[in-house]
PDB file of N, CA and C in Angstrom:
ATOM      1  N   UNK A   1       0.495  29.164 165.343  1.00  0.00           N
ATOM      2  CA  UNK A   1       0.084  30.180 166.323  1.00  0.00           C
ATOM      3  C   UNK A   1       0.984  31.415 166.217  1.00  0.00           C
ATOM      4  N   UNK A   2       2.269  31.187 166.038  1.00  0.00           N
ATOM      5  CA  UNK A   2       3.195  32.320 165.921  1.00  0.00           C
ATOM      6  C   UNK A   2       2.875  33.161 164.694  1.00  0.00           C
ATOM      7  N   UNK A   3       2.546  32.502 163.587  1.00  0.00           N
ATOM      8  CA  UNK A   3       2.223  33.243 162.365  1.00  0.00           C
ATOM      9  C   UNK A   3       0.981  34.091 162.575  1.00  0.00           C
ATOM     10  N   UNK A   4       0.008  33.527 163.240  1.00  0.00           N
ATOM     11  CA  UNK A   4      -1.243  34.260 163.474  1.00  0.00           C
ATOM     12  C   UNK A   4      -0.990  35.493 164.329  1.00  0.00           C
ATOM     13  N   UNK A   5      -0.186  35.337 165.384  1.00  0.00           N
ATOM     14  CA  UNK A   5       0.132  36.469 166.250  1.00  0.00           C
ATOM     15  C   UNK A   5       0.896  37.537 165.486  1.00  0.00           C
ATOM     16  N   UNK A   6       1.819  37.120 164.648  1.00  0.00           N
ATOM     17  CA  UNK A   6       2.604  38.071 163.864  1.00  0.00           C
ATOM     18  C   UNK A   6       1.698  38.817 162.894  1.00  0.00           C
ATOM     19  N   UNK A   7       0.769  38.107 162.303  1.00  0.00           N
ATOM     20  CA  UNK A   7      -0.150  38.720 161.342  1.00  0.00           C
ATOM     21  C   UNK A   7      -1.023  39.749 162.035  1.00  0.00           C
ATOM     22  N   UNK A   8      -1.555  39.394 163.200  1.00  0.00           N
ATOM     23  CA  UNK A   8      -2.406  40.323 163.940  1.00  0.00           C
ATOM     24  C   UNK A   8      -1.609  41.560 164.353  1.00  0.00           C
ATOM     25  N   UNK A   9      -0.387  41.365 164.771  1.00  0.00           N
ATOM     26  CA  UNK A   9       0.463  42.480 165.192  1.00  0.00           C
ATOM     27  C   UNK A   9       0.738  43.391 163.995  1.00  0.00           C
ATOM     28  N   UNK A  10       0.980  42.781 162.844  1.00  0.00           N
ATOM     29  CA  UNK A  10       1.278  43.531 161.626  1.00  0.00           C
ATOM     30  C   UNK A  10       0.078  44.362 161.189  1.00  0.00           C
ATOM     31  N   UNK A  11      -1.066  43.731 161.079  1.00  0.00           N
ATOM     32  CA  UNK A  11      -2.249  44.448 160.601  1.00  0.00           C
ATOM     33  C   UNK A  11      -2.688  45.505 161.597  1.00  0.00           C
ATOM     34  N   UNK A  12      -2.414  45.283 162.877  1.00  0.00           N
ATOM     35  CA  UNK A  12      -2.820  46.267 163.882  1.00  0.00           C
ATOM     36  C   UNK A  12      -2.045  47.571 163.695  1.00  0.00           C
ATOM     37  N   UNK A  13      -0.767  47.466 163.383  1.00  0.00           N
ATOM     38  CA  UNK A  13       0.078  48.658 163.282  1.00  0.00           C
ATOM     39  C   UNK A  13      -0.386  49.588 162.171  1.00  0.00           C
ATOM     40  N   UNK A  14      -0.743  49.050 161.010  1.00  0.00           N
ATOM     41  CA  UNK A  14      -1.179  49.912 159.913  1.00  0.00           C
ATOM     42  C   UNK A  14      -2.694  50.055 159.881  1.00  0.00           C
ATOM     43  N   UNK A  15      -3.376  49.327 160.762  1.00  0.00           N
ATOM     44  CA  UNK A  15      -4.838  49.319 160.761  1.00  0.00           C
ATOM     45  C   UNK A  15      -5.428  50.388 161.669  1.00  0.00           C
ATOM     46  N   UNK A  16      -4.711  50.715 162.736  1.00  0.00           N
ATOM     47  CA  UNK A  16      -5.243  51.633 163.748  1.00  0.00           C
ATOM     48  C   UNK A  16      -5.655  52.972 163.147  1.00  0.00           C
ATOM     49  N   UNK A  17      -4.862  53.507 162.226  1.00  0.00           N
ATOM     50  CA  UNK A  17      -5.198  54.797 161.612  1.00  0.00           C
ATOM     51  C   UNK A  17      -6.523  54.712 160.863  1.00  0.00           C
ATOM     52  N   UNK A  18      -6.688  53.666 160.052  1.00  0.00           N
ATOM     53  CA  UNK A  18      -7.929  53.493 159.304  1.00  0.00           C
ATOM     54  C   UNK A  18      -9.088  53.181 160.242  1.00  0.00           C
ATOM     55  N   UNK A  19      -8.793  52.472 161.312  1.00  0.00           N
ATOM     56  CA  UNK A  19      -9.837  52.106 162.267  1.00  0.00           C
ATOM     57  C   UNK A  19     -10.465  53.340 162.877  1.00  0.00           C
ATOM     58  N   UNK A  20      -9.656  54.372 163.092  1.00  0.00           N
ATOM     59  CA  UNK A  20     -10.168  55.605 163.675  1.00  0.00           C
ATOM     60  C   UNK A  20     -11.261  56.192 162.796  1.00  0.00           C
ATOM     61  N   UNK A  21     -11.012  56.292 161.500  1.00  0.00           N
ATOM     62  CA  UNK A  21     -12.015  56.816 160.574  1.00  0.00           C
ATOM     63  C   UNK A  21     -13.183  55.851 160.452  1.00  0.00           C
ATOM     64  N   UNK A  22     -12.866  54.570 160.332  1.00  0.00           N
ATOM     65  CA  UNK A  22     -13.907  53.558 160.158  1.00  0.00           C
ATOM     66  C   UNK A  22     -14.858  53.541 161.346  1.00  0.00           C
ATOM     67  N   UNK A  23     -14.288  53.558 162.549  1.00  0.00           N
ATOM     68  CA  UNK A  23     -15.110  53.524 163.755  1.00  0.00           C
ATOM     69  C   UNK A  23     -15.958  54.784 163.868  1.00  0.00           C
ATOM     70  N   UNK A  24     -15.410  55.917 163.468  1.00  0.00           N
ATOM     71  CA  UNK A  24     -16.174  57.161 163.534  1.00  0.00           C
ATOM     72  C   UNK A  24     -17.366  57.105 162.592  1.00  0.00           C
ATOM     73  N   UNK A  25     -17.152  56.581 161.396  1.00  0.00           N
ATOM     74  CA  UNK A  25     -18.242  56.481 160.428  1.00  0.00           C
ATOM     75  C   UNK A  25     -19.352  55.591 160.962  1.00  0.00           C
ATOM     76  N   UNK A  26     -18.968  54.532 161.638  1.00  0.00           N
ATOM     77  CA  UNK A  26     -19.948  53.577 162.148  1.00  0.00           C
ATOM     78  C   UNK A  26     -20.288  53.832 163.609  1.00  0.00           C
ATOM     79  N   UNK A  27     -19.828  54.973 164.117  1.00  0.00           N
ATOM     80  CA  UNK A  27     -20.125  55.392 165.487  1.00  0.00           C
ATOM     81  C   UNK A  27     -19.746  54.322 166.502  1.00  0.00           C
ATOM     82  N   UNK A  28     -18.574  53.725 166.285  1.00  0.00           N
ATOM     83  CA  UNK A  28     -18.063  52.748 167.243  1.00  0.00           C
ATOM     84  C   UNK A  28     -16.956  53.395 168.050  1.00  0.00           C
ATOM     85  N   UNK A  29     -16.866  53.029 169.286  1.00  0.00           N
ATOM     86  CA  UNK A  29     -15.812  53.582 170.132  1.00  0.00           C
ATOM     87  C   UNK A  29     -14.507  52.848 169.873  1.00  0.00           C
ATOM     88  N   UNK A  30     -13.415  53.593 169.981  1.00  0.00           N
ATOM     89  CA  UNK A  30     -12.109  52.978 169.777  1.00  0.00           C
ATOM     90  C   UNK A  30     -11.677  52.236 171.040  1.00  0.00           C
ATOM     91  N   UNK A  31     -12.392  51.171 171.306  1.00  0.00           N
ATOM     92  CA  UNK A  31     -12.026  50.289 172.407  1.00  0.00           C
ATOM     93  C   UNK A  31     -11.513  48.998 171.795  1.00  0.00           C
ATOM     94  N   UNK A  32     -11.062  48.083 172.613  1.00  0.00           N
ATOM     95  CA  UNK A  32     -10.620  46.797 172.088  1.00  0.00           C
ATOM     96  C   UNK A  32     -11.773  46.116 171.363  1.00  0.00           C
ATOM     97  N   UNK A  33     -12.965  46.223 171.925  1.00  0.00           N
ATOM     98  CA  UNK A  33     -14.132  45.625 171.283  1.00  0.00           C
ATOM     99  C   UNK A  33     -14.437  46.347 169.980  1.00  0.00           C
ATOM    100  N   UNK A  34     -14.324  47.668 169.996  1.00  0.00           N
ATOM    101  CA  UNK A  34     -14.577  48.450 168.796  1.00  0.00           C
ATOM    102  C   UNK A  34     -13.582  48.127 167.695  1.00  0.00           C
ATOM    103  N   UNK A  35     -12.311  48.041 168.056  1.00  0.00           N
ATOM    104  CA  UNK A  35     -11.289  47.707 167.073  1.00  0.00           C
ATOM    105  C   UNK A  35     -11.524  46.307 166.526  1.00  0.00           C
ATOM    106  N   UNK A  36     -11.955  45.393 167.392  1.00  0.00           N
ATOM    107  CA  UNK A  36     -12.223  44.021 166.961  1.00  0.00           C
ATOM    108  C   UNK A  36     -13.368  44.000 165.956  1.00  0.00           C
ATOM    109  N   UNK A  37     -14.437  44.737 166.263  1.00  0.00           N
ATOM    110  CA  UNK A  37     -15.582  44.785 165.357  1.00  0.00           C
ATOM    111  C   UNK A  37     -15.195  45.426 164.032  1.00  0.00           C
ATOM    112  N   UNK A  38     -14.411  46.493 164.094  1.00  0.00           N
ATOM    113  CA  UNK A  38     -13.967  47.169 162.874  1.00  0.00           C
ATOM    114  C   UNK A  38     -13.103  46.235 162.039  1.00  0.00           C
ATOM    115  N   UNK A  39     -12.240  45.499 162.698  1.00  0.00           N
ATOM    116  CA  UNK A  39     -11.350  44.589 161.990  1.00  0.00           C
ATOM    117  C   UNK A  39     -12.155  43.520 161.265  1.00  0.00           C
ATOM    118  N   UNK A  40     -13.203  43.012 161.913  1.00  0.00           N
ATOM    119  CA  UNK A  40     -14.062  41.994 161.289  1.00  0.00           C
ATOM    120  C   UNK A  40     -14.767  42.595 160.082  1.00  0.00           C
ATOM    121  N   UNK A  41     -15.269  43.813 160.233  1.00  0.00           N
ATOM    122  CA  UNK A  41     -15.991  44.456 159.140  1.00  0.00           C
ATOM    123  C   UNK A  41     -15.079  44.731 157.959  1.00  0.00           C
ATOM    124  N   UNK A  42     -13.832  45.074 158.221  1.00  0.00           N
ATOM    125  CA  UNK A  42     -12.900  45.368 157.132  1.00  0.00           C
ATOM    126  C   UNK A  42     -12.543  44.115 156.358  1.00  0.00           C
ATOM    127  N   UNK A  43     -12.428  42.991 157.056  1.00  0.00           N
ATOM    128  CA  UNK A  43     -12.019  41.751 156.402  1.00  0.00           C
ATOM    129  C   UNK A  43     -13.126  41.200 155.514  1.00  0.00           C
ATOM    130  N   UNK A  44     -14.374  41.471 155.850  1.00  0.00           N
ATOM    131  CA  UNK A  44     -15.485  40.910 155.065  1.00  0.00           C
ATOM    132  C   UNK A  44     -15.754  41.705 153.811  1.00  0.00           C
TER     133      UNK A  44
END
């Protein structure tokens, strides 16, 4: 569980900048739900 939390914290820090562009392209709002959806889309 600790590793998973650390990983999420790590990817969030460098992910937020890309998420802004990604969400704009896909017309998603930068909300927690939007960031979650963007994160899923990036991983796939």
